[in-house]
PDB file of N, CA and C in Angstrom:
ATOM      1  N   MET A   1      73.986  63.457 115.125  1.00  0.00           N
ATOM      2  CA  MET A   1      74.320  64.821 114.754  1.00  0.00           C
ATOM      3  C   MET A   1      73.412  65.221 113.588  1.00  0.00           C
ATOM      4  N   ARG A   2      72.968  66.425 113.634  1.00  0.00           N
ATOM      5  CA  ARG A   2      72.051  66.946 112.621  1.00  0.00           C
ATOM      6  C   ARG A   2      72.785  67.174 111.295  1.00  0.00           C
ATOM      7  N   ILE A   3      72.148  66.781 110.192  1.00  0.00           N
ATOM      8  CA  ILE A   3      72.693  67.020 108.857  1.00  0.00           C
ATOM      9  C   ILE A   3      71.735  67.955 108.137  1.00  0.00           C
ATOM     10  N   VAL A   4      72.285  69.050 107.597  1.00  0.00           N
ATOM     11  CA  VAL A   4      71.473  70.016 106.849  1.00  0.00           C
ATOM     12  C   VAL A   4      72.057  70.167 105.459  1.00  0.00           C
ATOM     13  N   ASN A   5      71.181  70.374 104.477  1.00  0.00           N
ATOM     14  CA  ASN A   5      71.694  70.570 103.123  1.00  0.00           C
ATOM     15  C   ASN A   5      72.152  72.020 102.968  1.00  0.00           C
ATOM     16  N   ILE A   6      72.884  72.288 101.909  1.00  0.00           N
ATOM     17  CA  ILE A   6      73.468  73.614 101.713  1.00  0.00           C
ATOM     18  C   ILE A   6      72.383  74.691 101.640  1.00  0.00           C
ATOM     19  N   HIS A   7      71.306  74.430 100.948  1.00  0.00           N
ATOM     20  CA  HIS A   7      70.248  75.433 100.827  1.00  0.00           C
ATOM     21  C   HIS A   7      69.682  75.793 102.198  1.00  0.00           C
ATOM     22  N   GLU A   8      69.412  74.798 103.016  1.00  0.00           N
ATOM     23  CA  GLU A   8      68.896  75.062 104.370  1.00  0.00           C
ATOM     24  C   GLU A   8      69.936  75.815 105.198  1.00  0.00           C
ATOM     25  N   ALA A   9      71.201  75.453 105.052  1.00  0.00           N
ATOM     26  CA  ALA A   9      72.260  76.130 105.808  1.00  0.00           C
ATOM     27  C   ALA A   9      72.350  77.599 105.411  1.00  0.00           C
ATOM     28  N   LYS A  10      72.247  77.898 104.113  1.00  0.00           N
ATOM     29  CA  LYS A  10      72.299  79.297 103.667  1.00  0.00           C
ATOM     30  C   LYS A  10      71.084  80.070 104.177  1.00  0.00           C
ATOM     31  N   THR A  11      69.936  79.430 104.159  1.00  0.00           N
ATOM     32  CA  THR A  11      68.704  80.100 104.572  1.00  0.00           C
ATOM     33  C   THR A  11      68.677  80.378 106.070  1.00  0.00           C
ATOM     34  N   HIS A  12      69.200  79.454 106.860  1.00  0.00           N
ATOM     35  CA  HIS A  12      69.096  79.550 108.323  1.00  0.00           C
ATOM     36  C   HIS A  12      70.465  79.615 109.003  1.00  0.00           C
ATOM     37  N   LEU A  13      71.454  80.185 108.324  1.00  0.00           N
ATOM     38  CA  LEU A  13      72.824  80.162 108.844  1.00  0.00           C
ATOM     39  C   LEU A  13      72.953  80.790 110.230  1.00  0.00           C
ATOM     40  N   SER A  14      72.353  81.941 110.457  1.00  0.00           N
ATOM     41  CA  SER A  14      72.482  82.614 111.762  1.00  0.00           C
ATOM     42  C   SER A  14      71.989  81.715 112.892  1.00  0.00           C
ATOM     43  N   ARG A  15      70.822  81.114 112.693  1.00  0.00           N
ATOM     44  CA  ARG A  15      70.256  80.242 113.731  1.00  0.00           C
ATOM     45  C   ARG A  15      71.124  78.996 113.922  1.00  0.00           C
ATOM     46  N   LEU A  16      71.571  78.395 112.830  1.00  0.00           N
ATOM     47  CA  LEU A  16      72.401  77.196 112.930  1.00  0.00           C
ATOM     48  C   LEU A  16      73.723  77.478 113.641  1.00  0.00           C
ATOM     49  N   VAL A  17      74.344  78.610 113.322  1.00  0.00           N
ATOM     50  CA  VAL A  17      75.609  78.963 113.977  1.00  0.00           C
ATOM     51  C   VAL A  17      75.387  79.215 115.462  1.00  0.00           C
ATOM     52  N   ARG A  18      74.309  79.905 115.801  1.00  0.00           N
ATOM     53  CA  ARG A  18      73.995  80.159 117.209  1.00  0.00           C
ATOM     54  C   ARG A  18      73.801  78.831 117.950  1.00  0.00           C
ATOM     55  N   GLU A  19      73.080  77.893 117.328  1.00  0.00           N
ATOM     56  CA  GLU A  19      72.869  76.582 117.954  1.00  0.00           C
ATOM     57  C   GLU A  19      74.189  75.823 118.096  1.00  0.00           C
ATOM     58  N   ALA A  20      75.045  75.897 117.081  1.00  0.00           N
ATOM     59  CA  ALA A  20      76.344  75.227 117.163  1.00  0.00           C
ATOM     60  C   ALA A  20      77.189  75.833 118.272  1.00  0.00           C
ATOM     61  N   ALA A  21      77.159  77.148 118.407  1.00  0.00           N
ATOM     62  CA  ALA A  21      77.913  77.816 119.472  1.00  0.00           C
ATOM     63  C   ALA A  21      77.397  77.409 120.843  1.00  0.00           C
ATOM     64  N   ASP A  22      76.106  77.078 120.921  1.00  0.00           N
ATOM     65  CA  ASP A  22      75.524  76.631 122.192  1.00  0.00           C
ATOM     66  C   ASP A  22      75.723  75.145 122.435  1.00  0.00           C
ATOM     67  N   GLY A  23      76.458  74.462 121.571  1.00  0.00           N
ATOM     68  CA  GLY A  23      76.803  73.065 121.806  1.00  0.00           C
ATOM     69  C   GLY A  23      76.079  72.061 120.939  1.00  0.00           C
ATOM     70  N   ALA A  24      75.431  72.484 119.856  1.00  0.00           N
ATOM     71  CA  ALA A  24      74.736  71.560 118.964  1.00  0.00           C
ATOM     72  C   ALA A  24      75.390  71.600 117.585  1.00  0.00           C
ATOM     73  N   PRO A  25      76.515  70.875 117.411  1.00  0.00           N
ATOM     74  CA  PRO A  25      77.201  70.894 116.120  1.00  0.00           C
ATOM     75  C   PRO A  25      76.318  70.291 115.026  1.00  0.00           C
ATOM     76  N   PHE A  26      76.620  70.616 113.784  1.00  0.00           N
ATOM     77  CA  PHE A  26      75.870  70.058 112.667  1.00  0.00           C
ATOM     78  C   PHE A  26      76.791  69.862 111.474  1.00  0.00           C
ATOM     79  N   VAL A  27      76.292  69.098 110.501  1.00  0.00           N
ATOM     80  CA  VAL A  27      77.041  68.803 109.284  1.00  0.00           C
ATOM     81  C   VAL A  27      76.283  69.422 108.113  1.00  0.00           C
ATOM     82  N   ILE A  28      77.029  70.059 107.211  1.00  0.00           N
ATOM     83  CA  ILE A  28      76.437  70.583 105.983  1.00  0.00           C
ATOM     84  C   ILE A  28      76.744  69.575 104.881  1.00  0.00           C
ATOM     85  N   ALA A  29      75.685  69.203 104.142  1.00  0.00           N
ATOM     86  CA  ALA A  29      75.827  68.191 103.091  1.00  0.00           C
ATOM     87  C   ALA A  29      75.338  68.737 101.755  1.00  0.00           C
ATOM     88  N   ARG A  30      75.890  68.187 100.681  1.00  0.00           N
ATOM     89  CA  ARG A  30      75.433  68.493  99.328  1.00  0.00           C
ATOM     90  C   ARG A  30      74.957  67.177  98.715  1.00  0.00           C
ATOM     91  N   SER A  31      73.710  67.141  98.309  1.00  0.00           N
ATOM     92  CA  SER A  31      73.097  65.929  97.741  1.00  0.00           C
ATOM     93  C   SER A  31      73.274  64.741  98.679  1.00  0.00           C
ATOM     94  N   GLY A  32      73.175  64.999  99.976  1.00  0.00           N
ATOM     95  CA  GLY A  32      73.272  63.937 100.972  1.00  0.00           C
ATOM     96  C   GLY A  32      74.686  63.555 101.361  1.00  0.00           C
ATOM     97  N   ALA A  33      75.696  64.082 100.657  1.00  0.00           N
ATOM     98  CA  ALA A  33      77.097  63.765 100.975  1.00  0.00           C
ATOM     99  C   ALA A  33      77.644  64.825 101.925  1.00  0.00           C
ATOM    100  N   PRO A  34      78.125  64.410 103.114  1.00  0.00           N
ATOM    101  CA  PRO A  34      78.664  65.373 104.086  1.00  0.00           C
ATOM    102  C   PRO A  34      79.864  66.139 103.509  1.00  0.00           C
ATOM    103  N   LEU A  35      79.859  67.477 103.730  1.00  0.00           N
ATOM    104  CA  LEU A  35      80.958  68.324 103.261  1.00  0.00           C
ATOM    105  C   LEU A  35      81.771  68.900 104.404  1.00  0.00           C
ATOM    106  N   VAL A  36      81.083  69.523 105.365  1.00  0.00           N
ATOM    107  CA  VAL A  36      81.773  70.156 106.486  1.00  0.00           C
ATOM    108  C   VAL A  36      81.002  69.925 107.776  1.00  0.00           C
ATOM    109  N   LYS A  37      81.748  70.000 108.872  1.00  0.00           N
ATOM    110  CA  LYS A  37      81.154  69.877 110.198  1.00  0.00           C
ATOM    111  C   LYS A  37      81.342  71.216 110.907  1.00  0.00           C
ATOM    112  N   VAL A  38      80.270  71.766 111.458  1.00  0.00           N
ATOM    113  CA  VAL A  38      80.330  73.039 112.177  1.00  0.00           C
ATOM    114  C   VAL A  38      80.236  72.730 113.663  1.00  0.00           C
ATOM    115  N   VAL A  39      81.295  73.112 114.395  1.00  0.00           N
ATOM    116  CA  VAL A  39      81.354  72.846 115.836  1.00  0.00           C
ATOM    117  C   VAL A  39      81.739  74.132 116.561  1.00  0.00           C
ATOM    118  N   PRO A  40      81.380  74.242 117.847  1.00  0.00           N
ATOM    119  CA  PRO A  40      81.764  75.451 118.591  1.00  0.00           C
ATOM    120  C   PRO A  40      83.259  75.463 118.882  1.00  0.00           C
ATOM    121  N   LEU A  41      83.817  76.659 118.999  1.00  0.00           N
ATOM    122  CA  LEU A  41      85.218  76.799 119.403  1.00  0.00           C
ATOM    123  C   LEU A  41      85.325  76.538 120.892  1.00  0.00           C
ATOM    124  N   ASN A  42      86.462  75.996 121.321  1.00  0.00           N
ATOM    125  CA  ASN A  42      86.658  75.729 122.745  1.00  0.00           C
ATOM    126  C   ASN A  42      86.806  77.016 123.544  1.00  0.00           C
ATOM    127  N   GLU A  43      87.497  77.979 122.957  1.00  0.00           N
ATOM    128  CA  GLU A  43      87.725  79.246 123.637  1.00  0.00           C
ATOM    129  C   GLU A  43      87.135  80.366 122.799  1.00  0.00           C
ATOM    130  N   PRO A  44      86.472  81.305 123.432  1.00  0.00           N
ATOM    131  CA  PRO A  44      85.952  82.429 122.649  1.00  0.00           C
ATOM    132  C   PRO A  44      87.100  83.246 122.069  1.00  0.00           C
ATOM    133  N   VAL A  45      86.900  83.709 120.871  1.00  0.00           N
ATOM    134  CA  VAL A  45      87.915  84.523 120.195  1.00  0.00           C
ATOM    135  C   VAL A  45      87.650  85.981 120.526  1.00  0.00           C
ATOM    136  N   ALA A  46      88.662  86.630 121.087  1.00  0.00           N
ATOM    137  CA  ALA A  46      88.522  88.050 121.444  1.00  0.00           C
ATOM    138  C   ALA A  46      88.559  88.887 120.173  1.00  0.00           C
ATOM    139  N   PRO A  47      87.737  89.920 120.108  1.00  0.00           N
ATOM    140  CA  PRO A  47      87.786  90.788 118.925  1.00  0.00           C
ATOM    141  C   PRO A  47      89.120  91.524 118.880  1.00  0.00           C
ATOM    142  N   PRO A  48      89.628  91.792 117.682  1.00  0.00           N
ATOM    143  CA  PRO A  48      90.910  92.491 117.597  1.00  0.00           C
ATOM    144  C   PRO A  48      90.787  93.896 118.170  1.00  0.00           C
ATOM    145  N   THR A  49      91.843  94.319 118.843  1.00  0.00           N
ATOM    146  CA  THR A  49      91.837  95.668 119.394  1.00  0.00           C
ATOM    147  C   THR A  49      92.189  96.648 118.290  1.00  0.00           C
ATOM    148  N   PRO A  50      91.436  97.706 118.171  1.00  0.00           N
ATOM    149  CA  PRO A  50      91.730  98.669 117.104  1.00  0.00           C
ATOM    150  C   PRO A  50      93.040  99.380 117.378  1.00  0.00           C
ATOM    151  N   SER A  51      93.794  99.603 116.309  1.00  0.00           N
ATOM    152  CA  SER A  51      95.054 100.317 116.471  1.00  0.00           C
ATOM    153  C   SER A  51      94.792 101.808 116.352  1.00  0.00           C
ATOM    154  N   ARG A  52      95.545 102.566 117.087  1.00  0.00           N
ATOM    155  CA  ARG A  52      95.437 104.020 117.043  1.00  0.00           C
ATOM    156  C   ARG A  52      96.770 104.554 116.565  1.00  0.00           C
ATOM    157  N   THR A  53      96.847 104.822 115.289  1.00  0.00           N
ATOM    158  CA  THR A  53      98.083 105.300 114.687  1.00  0.00           C
ATOM    159  C   THR A  53      98.519 106.607 115.340  1.00  0.00           C
ATOM    160  N   GLY A  54      99.791 106.663 115.696  1.00  0.00           N
ATOM    161  CA  GLY A  54     100.331 107.888 116.277  1.00  0.00           C
ATOM    162  C   GLY A  54     100.116 108.006 117.772  1.00  0.00           C
ATOM    163  N   PHE A  55      99.547 106.993 118.400  1.00  0.00           N
ATOM    164  CA  PHE A  55      99.302 107.061 119.842  1.00  0.00           C
ATOM    165  C   PHE A  55     100.140 105.992 120.524  1.00  0.00           C
ATOM    166  N   TYR A  56     101.217 106.423 121.156  1.00  0.00           N
ATOM    167  CA  TYR A  56     102.100 105.497 121.844  1.00  0.00           C
ATOM    168  C   TYR A  56     102.362 106.025 123.241  1.00  0.00           C
ATOM    169  N   PRO A  57     102.383 105.149 124.236  1.00  0.00           N
ATOM    170  CA  PRO A  57     102.673 105.609 125.593  1.00  0.00           C
ATOM    171  C   PRO A  57     104.076 106.205 125.663  1.00  0.00           C
ATOM    172  N   GLY A  58     104.214 107.281 126.388  1.00  0.00           N
ATOM    173  CA  GLY A  58     105.520 107.891 126.597  1.00  0.00           C
ATOM    174  C   GLY A  58     105.897 108.934 125.571  1.00  0.00           C
ATOM    175  N   ILE A  59     105.145 109.056 124.506  1.00  0.00           N
ATOM    176  CA  ILE A  59     105.449 110.065 123.494  1.00  0.00           C
ATOM    177  C   ILE A  59     104.813 111.377 123.938  1.00  0.00           C
ATOM    178  N   ARG A  60     105.563 112.450 123.813  1.00  0.00           N
ATOM    179  CA  ARG A  60     105.053 113.738 124.269  1.00  0.00           C
ATOM    180  C   ARG A  60     104.743 114.631 123.082  1.00  0.00           C
ATOM    181  N   SER A  61     104.036 115.679 123.341  1.00  0.00           N
ATOM    182  CA  SER A  61     103.738 116.658 122.302  1.00  0.00           C
ATOM    183  C   SER A  61     104.984 117.484 122.014  1.00  0.00           C
ATOM    184  N   VAL A  62     105.070 117.973 120.794  1.00  0.00           N
ATOM    185  CA  VAL A  62     106.210 118.788 120.382  1.00  0.00           C
ATOM    186  C   VAL A  62     105.700 120.206 120.171  1.00  0.00           C
ATOM    187  N   SER A  63     106.407 121.165 120.765  1.00  0.00           N
ATOM    188  CA  SER A  63     106.007 122.565 120.606  1.00  0.00           C
ATOM    189  C   SER A  63     106.249 123.018 119.168  1.00  0.00           C
ATOM    190  N   ALA A  64     105.646 124.143 118.793  1.00  0.00           N
ATOM    191  CA  ALA A  64     105.805 124.680 117.442  1.00  0.00           C
ATOM    192  C   ALA A  64     107.268 125.003 117.146  1.00  0.00           C
ATOM    193  N   ALA A  65     107.988 125.538 118.144  1.00  0.00           N
ATOM    194  CA  ALA A  65     109.403 125.873 117.947  1.00  0.00           C
ATOM    195  C   ALA A  65     110.224 124.605 117.713  1.00  0.00           C
ATOM    196  N   GLU A  66     109.969 123.578 118.532  1.00  0.00           N
ATOM    197  CA  GLU A  66     110.690 122.312 118.357  1.00  0.00           C
ATOM    198  C   GLU A  66     110.349 121.685 117.011  1.00  0.00           C
ATOM    199  N   HIS A  67     109.090 121.798 116.615  1.00  0.00           N
ATOM    200  CA  HIS A  67     108.651 121.234 115.339  1.00  0.00           C
ATOM    201  C   HIS A  67     109.388 121.908 114.185  1.00  0.00           C
ATOM    202  N   ALA A  68     109.511 123.230 114.223  1.00  0.00           N
ATOM    203  CA  ALA A  68     110.212 123.974 113.170  1.00  0.00           C
ATOM    204  C   ALA A  68     111.681 123.572 113.132  1.00  0.00           C
ATOM    205  N   GLU A  69     112.286 123.401 114.318  1.00  0.00           N
ATOM    206  CA  GLU A  69     113.692 123.008 114.390  1.00  0.00           C
ATOM    207  C   GLU A  69     113.881 121.617 113.792  1.00  0.00           C
ATOM    208  N   LEU A  70     112.959 120.707 114.131  1.00  0.00           N
ATOM    209  CA  LEU A  70     113.048 119.354 113.581  1.00  0.00           C
ATOM    210  C   LEU A  70     112.832 119.363 112.069  1.00  0.00           C
ATOM    211  N   ASP A  71     111.903 120.203 111.593  1.00  0.00           N
ATOM    212  CA  ASP A  71     111.665 120.307 110.152  1.00  0.00           C
ATOM    213  C   ASP A  71     112.945 120.734 109.433  1.00  0.00           C
ATOM    214  N   ASP A  72     113.646 121.728 109.997  1.00  0.00           N
ATOM    215  CA  ASP A  72     114.893 122.200 109.380  1.00  0.00           C
ATOM    216  C   ASP A  72     115.937 121.092 109.366  1.00  0.00           C
ATOM    217  N   GLU A  73     116.043 120.362 110.474  1.00  0.00           N
ATOM    218  CA  GLU A  73     117.034 119.293 110.578  1.00  0.00           C
ATOM    219  C   GLU A  73     116.729 118.179 109.578  1.00  0.00           C
ATOM    220  N   ILE A  74     115.470 117.792 109.493  1.00  0.00           N
ATOM    221  CA  ILE A  74     115.084 116.722 108.569  1.00  0.00           C
ATOM    222  C   ILE A  74     115.275 117.168 107.129  1.00  0.00           C
ATOM    223  N   ALA A  75     114.893 118.400 106.825  1.00  0.00           N
ATOM    224  CA  ALA A  75     115.083 118.925 105.463  1.00  0.00           C
ATOM    225  C   ALA A  75     116.555 118.916 105.104  1.00  0.00           C
ATOM    226  N   GLY A  76     117.424 119.291 106.049  1.00  0.00           N
ATOM    227  CA  GLY A  76     118.864 119.280 105.797  1.00  0.00           C
ATOM    228  C   GLY A  76     119.369 117.879 105.503  1.00  0.00           C
ATOM    229  N   LEU A  77     118.845 116.898 106.215  1.00  0.00           N
ATOM    230  CA  LEU A  77     119.265 115.517 105.978  1.00  0.00           C
ATOM    231  C   LEU A  77     118.768 115.008 104.628  1.00  0.00           C
ATOM    232  N   LEU A  78     117.556 115.364 104.276  1.00  0.00           N
ATOM    233  CA  LEU A  78     116.989 114.882 103.029  1.00  0.00           C
ATOM    234  C   LEU A  78     117.585 115.562 101.808  1.00  0.00           C
ATOM    235  N   LEU A  79     117.949 116.822 101.953  1.00  0.00           N
ATOM    236  CA  LEU A  79     118.444 117.571 100.809  1.00  0.00           C
ATOM    237  C   LEU A  79     119.961 117.522 100.667  1.00  0.00           C
ATOM    238  N   ALA A  80     120.643 116.949 101.649  1.00  0.00           N
ATOM    239  CA  ALA A  80     122.104 116.850 101.578  1.00  0.00           C
ATOM    240  C   ALA A  80     122.489 115.925 100.424  1.00  0.00           C
ATOM    241  N   GLU A  81     123.649 116.207  99.846  1.00  0.00           N
ATOM    242  CA  GLU A  81     124.120 115.360  98.754  1.00  0.00           C
ATOM    243  C   GLU A  81     124.490 113.998  99.315  1.00  0.00           C
ATOM    244  N   PRO A  82     124.107 112.939  98.603  1.00  0.00           N
ATOM    245  CA  PRO A  82     124.431 111.602  99.090  1.00  0.00           C
ATOM    246  C   PRO A  82     125.939 111.365  99.115  1.00  0.00           C
ATOM    247  N   ILE A  83     126.376 110.587 100.053  1.00  0.00           N
ATOM    248  CA  ILE A  83     127.788 110.259 100.180  1.00  0.00           C
ATOM    249  C   ILE A  83     128.070 109.019  99.354  1.00  0.00           C
ATOM    250  N   SER A  84     129.001 109.137  98.448  1.00  0.00           N
ATOM    251  CA  SER A  84     129.378 108.011  97.607  1.00  0.00           C
ATOM    252  C   SER A  84     130.235 107.058  98.426  1.00  0.00           C
ATOM    253  N   PRO A  85     130.020 105.774  98.326  1.00  0.00           N
ATOM    254  CA  PRO A  85     130.853 104.821  99.080  1.00  0.00           C
ATOM    255  C   PRO A  85     132.327 104.902  98.674  1.00  0.00           C
ATOM    256  N   ASP A  86     132.620 105.374  97.459  1.00  0.00           N
ATOM    257  CA  ASP A  86     133.994 105.458  96.990  1.00  0.00           C
ATOM    258  C   ASP A  86     134.635 106.821  97.283  1.00  0.00           C
ATOM    259  N   ALA A  87     133.856 107.740  97.848  1.00  0.00           N
ATOM    260  CA  ALA A  87     134.374 109.091  98.102  1.00  0.00           C
ATOM    261  C   ALA A  87     135.443 109.039  99.186  1.00  0.00           C
ATOM    262  N   ASP A  88     136.449 109.872  98.999  1.00  0.00           N
ATOM    263  CA  ASP A  88     137.541 109.966  99.972  1.00  0.00           C
ATOM    264  C   ASP A  88     137.164 111.005 101.025  1.00  0.00           C
ATOM    265  N   PRO A  89     137.038 110.600 102.321  1.00  0.00           N
ATOM    266  CA  PRO A  89     136.648 111.565 103.340  1.00  0.00           C
ATOM    267  C   PRO A  89     137.754 112.611 103.538  1.00  0.00           C
ATOM    268  N   ASP A  90     137.344 113.863 103.774  1.00  0.00           N
ATOM    269  CA  ASP A  90     138.308 114.965 103.972  1.00  0.00           C
ATOM    270  C   ASP A  90     138.792 115.019 105.381  1.00  0.00           C
TER     271      ASP A  90
END
């Protein structure tokens, strides 16, 4: 197995990683002492799928009238006086 020093690894990292991915693992050493072994992954790692905030299947658009109605309802809930746990219900 090929042993490369840290300076060589930093200088040629792209090429070394490409070679390791193609099946040629290598060891990075400092002052001749092995530190890490670079080997290819068994399975390729899929890139993460980007999230699209606010985009969910089955959600529909809300008309301006419905939006205004919901705004009033939400405002009423937010501005209502909080209910005390000790309050006696009427």
